[in-house]
């Protein structure tokens, strides 16, 4: 008897372009929590991946090294580690280093060596305009010029853990049940246009910005060329990497608001711009003229995180799913509502945001005059 897949798919084309799972959980009071629920939620969306990529980002992870940049680096050879450590010693003060603890499990085969380094810039003189720019420059140098070494996490008091496997397997491999943070994101990958490898798993990170993504960025080429003008180099061989660098450029270097960045990445259609009031139209036209090369074409749903904020955003016509849930101080973003309700069955509120409209969760401690993190999202939910 023929396999059902063979009957329905005689060409044996197993490409599934609507897969990938994304999940984010944030305690807006800043209280840290274990990742047990997040791991359970992302496991619930197991069928959206194929075992070729899984990963997590955790914020509030390293309180004992809160002032140091935490580099997570994968090494494919001993030579790569030796060259990279020599580079780090020449460019930073290494406060602490260690091999990232892992647990042997049968599902994870041929993994790279992963180390973490807690680094200070010290009193070094540098040409860059800020310490963060100095760090970004050194990350790009390692990832483009040093052999067999890839920095895949480089923020303070946060880190990315990722690799080839289902996300629940990556969590077990990196012993993530031992960690706590106030914000977790998780991703299960189904590679479509790029290979599944350890560096190509999500999240993608630069400084403390992380991005997880479901969809396909068909504008990758022009996005990449625009970012290269500002010193960013895409080396992880997947389209999502441009989103992390674009967010760093827009929000940190160009000091734009999240709302403005969303209008750049998921710009309104020209027909919508033509119908806007004069003032809004002027802004929309200016953004398209200056940042048109950062518009993300193609279907996407992303969760963007950095210290103090978690943001959900879909393409303008919502070709990829995103669901929002609130329960007390907890804010959840997910590909599927079922994953949220699995760990928080009695939600205060759940909804699907409008396409191109950001859902923004913020720590309550960011400003006493700001609404609670979940309240930031109410307008988007009620607009439906």
Protein backbone atom coordinates (compact mmCIF):
# COMPACT_ATOMS: atom_id res chain seq x y z
CA UNK A 1 0.00 0.00 0.00
CA UNK A 2 1.32 3.40 -0.91
CA UNK A 3 2.32 5.88 1.75
CA UNK A 4 -0.33 8.63 2.13
CA UNK A 5 2.30 11.31 1.56
CA UNK A 6 3.28 9.65 -1.72
CA UNK A 7 -0.35 9.55 -2.87
CA UNK A 8 -0.99 13.21 -2.09
CA UNK A 9 2.46 14.33 -3.16
CA UNK A 10 3.62 12.26 -6.15
CA UNK A 11 6.56 14.60 -6.79
CA UNK A 12 7.87 13.92 -3.27
CA UNK A 13 8.21 17.65 -2.63
CA UNK A 14 8.26 17.82 1.15
CA UNK A 15 8.67 21.59 1.33
CA UNK A 16 6.11 23.00 3.77
CA UNK A 17 6.17 26.77 3.60
CA UNK A 18 3.60 27.54 6.30
CA UNK A 19 5.41 25.84 9.17
CA UNK A 20 7.80 26.99 11.94
CA UNK A 21 6.57 27.64 15.48
CA UNK A 22 7.18 30.77 17.53
CA UNK A 23 6.42 31.38 21.19
CA UNK A 24 7.21 34.15 23.65
CA UNK A 25 6.44 34.59 27.35
CA UNK A 26 7.18 37.70 29.41
CA UNK A 27 6.54 38.52 33.05
CA UNK A 28 5.96 42.25 32.90
CA UNK A 29 6.73 42.67 36.60
CA UNK A 30 10.30 41.52 35.89
CA UNK A 31 10.03 38.40 38.04
CA UNK A 32 12.13 35.56 36.70
CA UNK A 33 10.60 32.16 36.01
CA UNK A 34 11.82 28.81 34.76
CA UNK A 35 11.40 27.83 31.16
CA UNK A 36 9.45 24.68 31.93
CA UNK A 37 6.18 26.13 30.63
CA UNK A 38 7.81 27.65 27.54
CA UNK A 39 9.41 24.31 26.67
CA UNK A 40 6.05 22.59 27.14
CA UNK A 41 4.32 25.16 24.91
CA UNK A 42 6.83 24.94 22.05
CA UNK A 43 6.75 21.12 22.27
CA UNK A 44 2.99 21.33 21.72
CA UNK A 45 3.74 22.73 18.25
CA UNK A 46 6.16 19.90 17.43
CA UNK A 47 4.50 19.20 14.06
CA UNK A 48 5.26 22.70 12.81
CA UNK A 49 8.98 21.84 12.69
CA UNK A 50 11.01 19.00 11.22
CA UNK A 51 13.90 18.68 13.66
CA UNK A 52 16.33 20.85 11.69
CA UNK A 53 16.31 23.80 14.06
CA UNK A 54 15.24 24.81 17.54
CA UNK A 55 16.26 27.50 19.95
CA UNK A 56 15.54 29.79 22.88
CA UNK A 57 16.40 33.31 24.05
CA UNK A 58 16.39 34.06 27.78
CA UNK A 59 16.52 37.51 29.39
CA UNK A 60 17.62 38.12 32.97
CA UNK A 61 19.72 35.00 32.70
CA UNK A 62 23.10 36.12 34.06
CA UNK A 63 22.50 38.48 37.02
CA UNK A 64 25.99 37.79 38.36
CA UNK A 65 27.47 39.20 35.12
CA UNK A 66 24.90 41.91 34.44
CA UNK A 67 27.50 44.47 33.25
CA UNK A 68 29.43 42.17 30.89
CA UNK A 69 28.68 41.29 27.29
CA UNK A 70 27.88 37.57 27.22
CA UNK A 71 29.19 35.99 24.02
CA UNK A 72 27.93 32.53 23.13
CA UNK A 73 30.22 31.16 20.43
CA UNK A 74 30.06 27.89 18.50
CA UNK A 75 33.34 26.39 17.36
CA UNK A 76 33.66 23.89 14.53
CA UNK A 77 37.35 23.21 15.18
CA UNK A 78 40.01 23.59 17.88
CA UNK A 79 41.90 25.97 15.59
CA UNK A 80 38.82 28.17 15.40
CA UNK A 81 38.57 28.34 19.17
CA UNK A 82 42.25 29.16 19.58
CA UNK A 83 42.14 31.99 17.03
CA UNK A 84 38.93 33.40 18.45
CA UNK A 85 40.14 33.35 22.05
CA UNK A 86 43.29 35.18 20.99
CA UNK A 87 41.11 37.78 19.27
CA UNK A 88 38.92 38.15 22.36
CA UNK A 89 41.94 38.64 24.62
CA UNK A 90 43.27 41.36 22.33
CA UNK A 91 39.94 43.22 22.13
CA UNK A 92 38.27 42.63 25.51
CA UNK A 93 38.91 41.87 29.15
CA UNK A 94 37.68 38.30 29.66
CA UNK A 95 35.99 38.33 33.08
CA UNK A 96 34.94 34.69 32.93
CA UNK A 97 34.70 31.90 30.38
CA UNK A 98 33.37 28.36 30.40
CA UNK A 99 32.07 25.65 28.16
CA UNK A 100 28.28 25.79 28.07
CA UNK A 101 26.96 22.78 30.01
CA UNK A 102 25.23 20.19 27.85
CA UNK A 103 23.73 16.76 28.29
CA UNK A 104 24.30 13.91 25.86
CA UNK A 105 21.03 12.86 24.25
CA UNK A 106 20.68 10.51 21.27
CA UNK A 107 18.72 13.01 19.14
CA UNK A 108 21.58 15.54 19.02
CA UNK A 109 24.41 14.35 16.79
CA UNK A 110 27.70 15.97 15.82
CA UNK A 111 27.16 19.25 17.70
CA UNK A 112 29.73 22.06 17.62
CA UNK A 113 31.54 23.03 20.82
CA UNK A 114 29.76 25.96 22.49
CA UNK A 115 31.49 28.29 24.96
CA UNK A 116 30.38 31.45 26.72
CA UNK A 117 32.58 34.45 27.48
CA UNK A 118 31.74 37.37 29.75
CA UNK A 119 33.55 40.38 28.36
CA UNK A 120 34.38 43.98 29.29
CA UNK A 121 35.63 46.58 26.85
CA UNK A 122 37.74 48.08 29.63
CA UNK A 123 39.58 51.33 28.99
CA UNK A 124 40.29 50.62 25.35
CA UNK A 125 40.18 53.49 22.90
CA UNK A 126 38.00 52.77 19.91
CA UNK A 127 36.87 54.55 16.77
CA UNK A 128 33.23 53.49 17.03
CA UNK A 129 30.69 55.93 18.43
CA UNK A 130 29.68 53.69 21.34
CA UNK A 131 30.61 50.56 23.23
CA UNK A 132 27.73 48.71 21.58
CA UNK A 133 29.02 49.64 18.13
CA UNK A 134 32.46 48.40 19.18
CA UNK A 135 30.96 45.05 20.15
CA UNK A 136 28.92 44.75 16.94
CA UNK A 137 32.07 45.44 14.90
CA UNK A 138 34.00 42.67 16.72
CA UNK A 139 31.13 40.22 16.32
CA UNK A 140 31.12 40.88 12.57
CA UNK A 141 34.89 40.40 12.43
CA UNK A 142 34.72 37.01 14.15
CA UNK A 143 31.83 35.83 11.98
CA UNK A 144 33.39 36.92 8.68
CA UNK A 145 37.15 36.63 9.15
CA UNK A 146 37.96 33.96 11.75
CA UNK A 147 37.79 30.33 10.78
CA UNK A 148 35.15 27.93 12.16
CA UNK A 149 33.77 30.36 14.75
CA UNK A 150 30.34 31.97 15.01
CA UNK A 151 29.13 34.39 17.67
CA UNK A 152 25.41 33.71 17.90
CA UNK A 153 24.64 35.63 21.11
CA UNK A 154 26.26 38.87 22.31
CA UNK A 155 24.02 40.77 24.74
CA UNK A 156 24.22 41.57 28.43
CA UNK A 157 22.37 39.45 31.01
CA UNK A 158 20.74 37.38 28.27
CA UNK A 159 21.65 34.57 25.92
CA UNK A 160 20.57 32.43 22.98
CA UNK A 161 20.73 28.64 22.97
CA UNK A 162 20.05 26.97 19.62
CA UNK A 163 20.96 24.10 17.35
CA UNK A 164 19.82 21.36 15.00
CA UNK A 165 16.97 19.45 16.60
CA UNK A 166 13.44 19.96 17.78
CA UNK A 167 13.21 22.78 20.35
CA UNK A 168 12.40 20.44 23.21
CA UNK A 169 15.54 18.46 22.33
CA UNK A 170 17.66 21.62 22.26
CA UNK A 171 16.23 22.55 25.68
CA UNK A 172 17.22 19.18 27.08
CA UNK A 173 20.64 19.27 25.42
CA UNK A 174 21.50 22.69 26.93
CA UNK A 175 19.91 21.82 30.31
CA UNK A 176 17.59 24.83 30.07
CA UNK A 177 15.47 23.58 32.94
CA UNK A 178 18.26 24.93 35.16
CA UNK A 179 17.85 28.54 33.97
CA UNK A 180 15.47 31.35 34.86
CA UNK A 181 14.57 34.61 33.12
CA UNK A 182 11.77 37.18 33.02
CA UNK A 183 11.39 36.85 29.23
CA UNK A 184 11.69 33.70 27.12
CA UNK A 185 11.25 33.19 23.38
CA UNK A 186 11.31 29.83 21.63
CA UNK A 187 11.37 28.63 18.03
CA UNK A 188 10.88 25.42 16.10
CA UNK A 189 12.24 25.62 12.56
CA UNK A 190 11.14 24.11 9.29
CA UNK A 191 13.88 25.26 6.86
CA UNK A 192 12.54 26.17 3.45
CA UNK A 193 15.07 28.05 1.34
CA UNK A 194 18.22 27.56 3.43
CA UNK A 195 19.94 24.60 5.00
CA UNK A 196 19.29 23.45 8.53
CA UNK A 197 22.48 23.92 10.55
CA UNK A 198 23.43 25.08 14.03
CA UNK A 199 24.03 28.71 13.11
CA UNK A 200 20.88 28.84 11.00
CA UNK A 201 18.55 27.94 13.85
CA UNK A 202 16.55 30.72 15.50
CA UNK A 203 16.68 33.03 17.47
CA UNK A 204 19.02 35.41 15.69
CA UNK A 205 20.79 37.87 17.93
CA UNK A 206 22.91 41.01 17.90
CA UNK A 207 23.64 42.63 21.26
CA UNK A 208 20.46 41.99 23.26
CA UNK A 209 18.11 42.04 20.24
CA UNK A 210 16.70 38.64 19.30
CA UNK A 211 14.30 37.63 16.53
CA UNK A 212 12.30 34.47 15.90
CA UNK A 213 10.41 34.16 12.65
CA UNK A 214 7.80 32.08 10.87
CA UNK A 215 7.63 32.72 7.14
CA UNK A 216 9.84 33.72 4.26
CA UNK A 217 11.68 37.01 3.64
CA UNK A 218 11.71 37.29 -0.14
CA UNK A 219 13.33 40.74 0.09
CA UNK A 220 16.44 39.25 1.74
CA UNK A 221 18.83 40.39 -1.00
CA UNK A 222 17.97 44.09 -0.93
CA UNK A 223 17.64 44.03 2.87
CA UNK A 224 21.11 42.52 3.14
CA UNK A 225 22.70 45.04 0.78
CA UNK A 226 21.15 47.96 2.67
CA UNK A 227 22.41 46.66 6.03
CA UNK A 228 25.92 46.08 4.69
CA UNK A 229 26.21 49.86 4.25
CA UNK A 230 26.06 50.11 8.04
CA UNK A 231 28.62 47.39 8.79
CA UNK A 232 26.31 44.40 9.24
CA UNK A 233 27.26 41.14 7.52
CA UNK A 234 24.86 38.23 7.14
CA UNK A 235 26.77 35.00 7.79
CA UNK A 236 24.19 32.59 9.25
CA UNK A 237 22.79 31.57 5.85
CA UNK A 238 19.11 32.27 6.41
CA UNK A 239 16.78 35.15 5.63
CA UNK A 240 15.74 35.91 9.22
CA UNK A 241 19.16 37.26 10.15
CA UNK A 242 18.39 40.52 8.33
CA UNK A 243 15.49 41.22 10.69
CA UNK A 244 17.74 41.19 13.78
CA UNK A 245 20.19 43.60 12.19
CA UNK A 246 17.43 45.84 10.84
CA UNK A 247 15.92 46.13 14.31
CA UNK A 248 19.30 47.01 15.82
CA UNK A 249 19.87 49.66 13.15
CA UNK A 250 16.43 51.26 13.43
CA UNK A 251 15.87 51.15 17.17
CA UNK A 252 19.36 51.46 18.65
CA UNK A 253 21.46 53.30 16.08
CA UNK A 254 18.77 55.49 14.51
CA UNK A 255 16.79 55.81 17.76
CA UNK A 256 13.38 55.27 16.16
CA UNK A 257 10.36 54.10 18.11
CA UNK A 258 8.99 50.58 17.84
CA UNK A 259 5.86 51.92 16.18
CA UNK A 260 7.91 53.69 13.49
CA UNK A 261 10.12 50.63 12.98
CA UNK A 262 6.99 48.54 12.42
CA UNK A 263 5.84 50.99 9.72
CA UNK A 264 9.20 50.45 8.01
CA UNK A 265 9.37 46.67 8.23
CA UNK A 266 5.66 46.16 7.46
CA UNK A 267 4.99 49.33 5.48
CA UNK A 268 1.41 50.18 4.46
CA UNK A 269 0.44 49.53 0.86
CA UNK A 270 0.70 52.46 -1.52
CA UNK A 271 -3.08 52.44 -1.90
CA UNK A 272 -3.42 52.80 1.87
CA UNK A 273 -0.85 55.60 1.97
CA UNK A 274 -2.80 57.52 -0.69
CA UNK A 275 -5.89 57.51 1.56
CA UNK A 276 -4.08 58.70 4.70
CA UNK A 277 -4.53 62.16 6.22
CA UNK A 278 -1.89 64.60 5.00
CA UNK A 279 0.34 64.41 8.08
CA UNK A 280 0.34 60.60 8.24
CA UNK A 281 0.88 60.40 4.50
CA UNK A 282 3.91 62.67 4.71
CA UNK A 283 5.49 60.43 7.37
CA UNK A 284 4.70 57.22 5.46
CA UNK A 285 6.21 58.62 2.25
CA UNK A 286 9.35 59.77 4.07
CA UNK A 287 9.83 56.34 5.64
CA UNK A 288 9.43 54.59 2.28
CA UNK A 289 11.90 56.98 0.65
CA UNK A 290 14.57 56.60 3.35
CA UNK A 291 14.07 52.99 4.44
CA UNK A 292 12.34 51.39 1.47
CA UNK A 293 15.13 48.82 1.22
CA UNK A 294 14.28 47.50 4.70
CA UNK A 295 10.66 46.70 3.85
CA UNK A 296 10.15 42.98 4.50
CA UNK A 297 8.43 41.33 1.56
CA UNK A 298 6.83 37.94 1.90
CA UNK A 299 4.76 36.26 4.59
CA UNK A 300 6.07 36.60 8.13
CA UNK A 301 5.25 36.58 11.81
CA UNK A 302 8.08 37.61 14.13
CA UNK A 303 8.66 37.97 17.83
CA UNK A 304 11.34 40.56 18.58
CA UNK A 305 12.76 40.88 22.09
CA UNK A 306 15.32 42.88 24.00
CA UNK A 307 15.69 43.91 27.61
CA UNK A 308 12.40 45.25 28.89
CA UNK A 309 10.28 44.65 25.78
CA UNK A 310 8.75 41.88 23.68
CA UNK A 311 7.18 42.72 20.32
CA UNK A 312 4.99 40.68 17.99
CA UNK A 313 4.54 41.70 14.34
CA UNK A 314 3.09 40.08 11.23
CA UNK A 315 3.14 41.05 7.58
CA UNK A 316 0.50 43.50 6.40
CA UNK A 317 -2.08 40.90 5.39
CA UNK A 318 -1.31 38.33 8.12
CA UNK A 319 -0.14 35.44 5.96
CA UNK A 320 1.41 33.87 9.07
CA UNK A 321 -0.42 33.35 12.36
CA UNK A 322 0.17 35.19 15.63
CA UNK A 323 -1.98 34.97 18.76
CA UNK A 324 -1.70 37.12 21.89
CA UNK A 325 -2.64 36.05 25.43
CA UNK A 326 -2.65 37.84 28.78
CA UNK A 327 -2.86 36.45 32.28
CA UNK A 328 -2.06 38.81 35.15
CA UNK A 329 1.51 40.01 34.66
CA UNK A 330 2.17 37.45 31.94
CA UNK A 331 2.10 38.27 28.22
CA UNK A 332 2.22 35.47 25.65
CA UNK A 333 2.80 35.48 21.88
CA UNK A 334 2.39 32.29 19.91
CA UNK A 335 1.79 30.72 16.52
CA UNK A 336 -1.13 28.83 18.07
CA UNK A 337 -3.50 29.72 20.88
CA UNK A 338 -3.50 26.08 21.99
CA UNK A 339 0.15 26.40 23.05
CA UNK A 340 -0.67 29.37 25.28
CA UNK A 341 -3.71 27.71 26.87
CA UNK A 342 -1.74 24.54 27.50
CA UNK A 343 0.30 26.39 30.14
CA UNK A 344 -2.22 29.13 31.01
CA UNK A 345 -5.72 27.71 30.46
CA UNK A 346 -7.64 30.55 32.13
CA UNK A 347 -6.43 33.59 30.20
CA UNK A 348 -7.71 37.07 31.04
CA UNK A 349 -7.72 37.87 27.34
CA UNK A 350 -6.70 36.36 24.01
CA UNK A 351 -6.88 37.82 20.51
CA UNK A 352 -5.34 37.93 17.05
CA UNK A 353 -3.64 41.26 16.24
CA UNK A 354 -4.13 43.12 12.98
CA UNK A 355 -1.58 42.63 10.21
CA UNK A 356 1.31 45.08 10.30
CA UNK A 357 0.32 46.38 13.77
CA UNK A 358 2.92 45.70 16.50
CA UNK A 359 1.94 44.11 19.80
CA UNK A 360 4.26 45.57 22.43
CA UNK A 361 4.84 44.27 25.94
CA UNK A 362 6.95 46.35 28.33
CA UNK A 363 8.29 45.91 31.83
CA UNK A 364 6.24 47.95 34.28
CA UNK A 365 9.45 49.29 35.80
CA UNK A 366 10.47 51.06 32.56
CA UNK A 367 8.40 54.09 33.54
CA UNK A 368 5.93 54.77 36.32
CA UNK A 369 3.80 56.70 33.83
CA UNK A 370 3.60 53.89 31.28
CA UNK A 371 0.70 51.42 31.25
CA UNK A 372 1.40 47.80 32.09
CA UNK A 373 2.99 45.72 29.38
CA UNK A 374 -0.17 43.88 28.44
CA UNK A 375 -2.15 47.14 28.39
CA UNK A 376 0.14 48.33 25.58
CA UNK A 377 -1.51 45.71 23.39
CA UNK A 378 -5.15 46.41 24.17
CA UNK A 379 -5.61 48.92 21.35
CA UNK A 380 -4.50 46.41 18.74
CA UNK A 381 -6.83 43.77 20.15
CA UNK A 382 -9.86 46.06 20.39
CA UNK A 383 -9.24 47.39 16.88
CA UNK A 384 -10.47 44.07 15.58
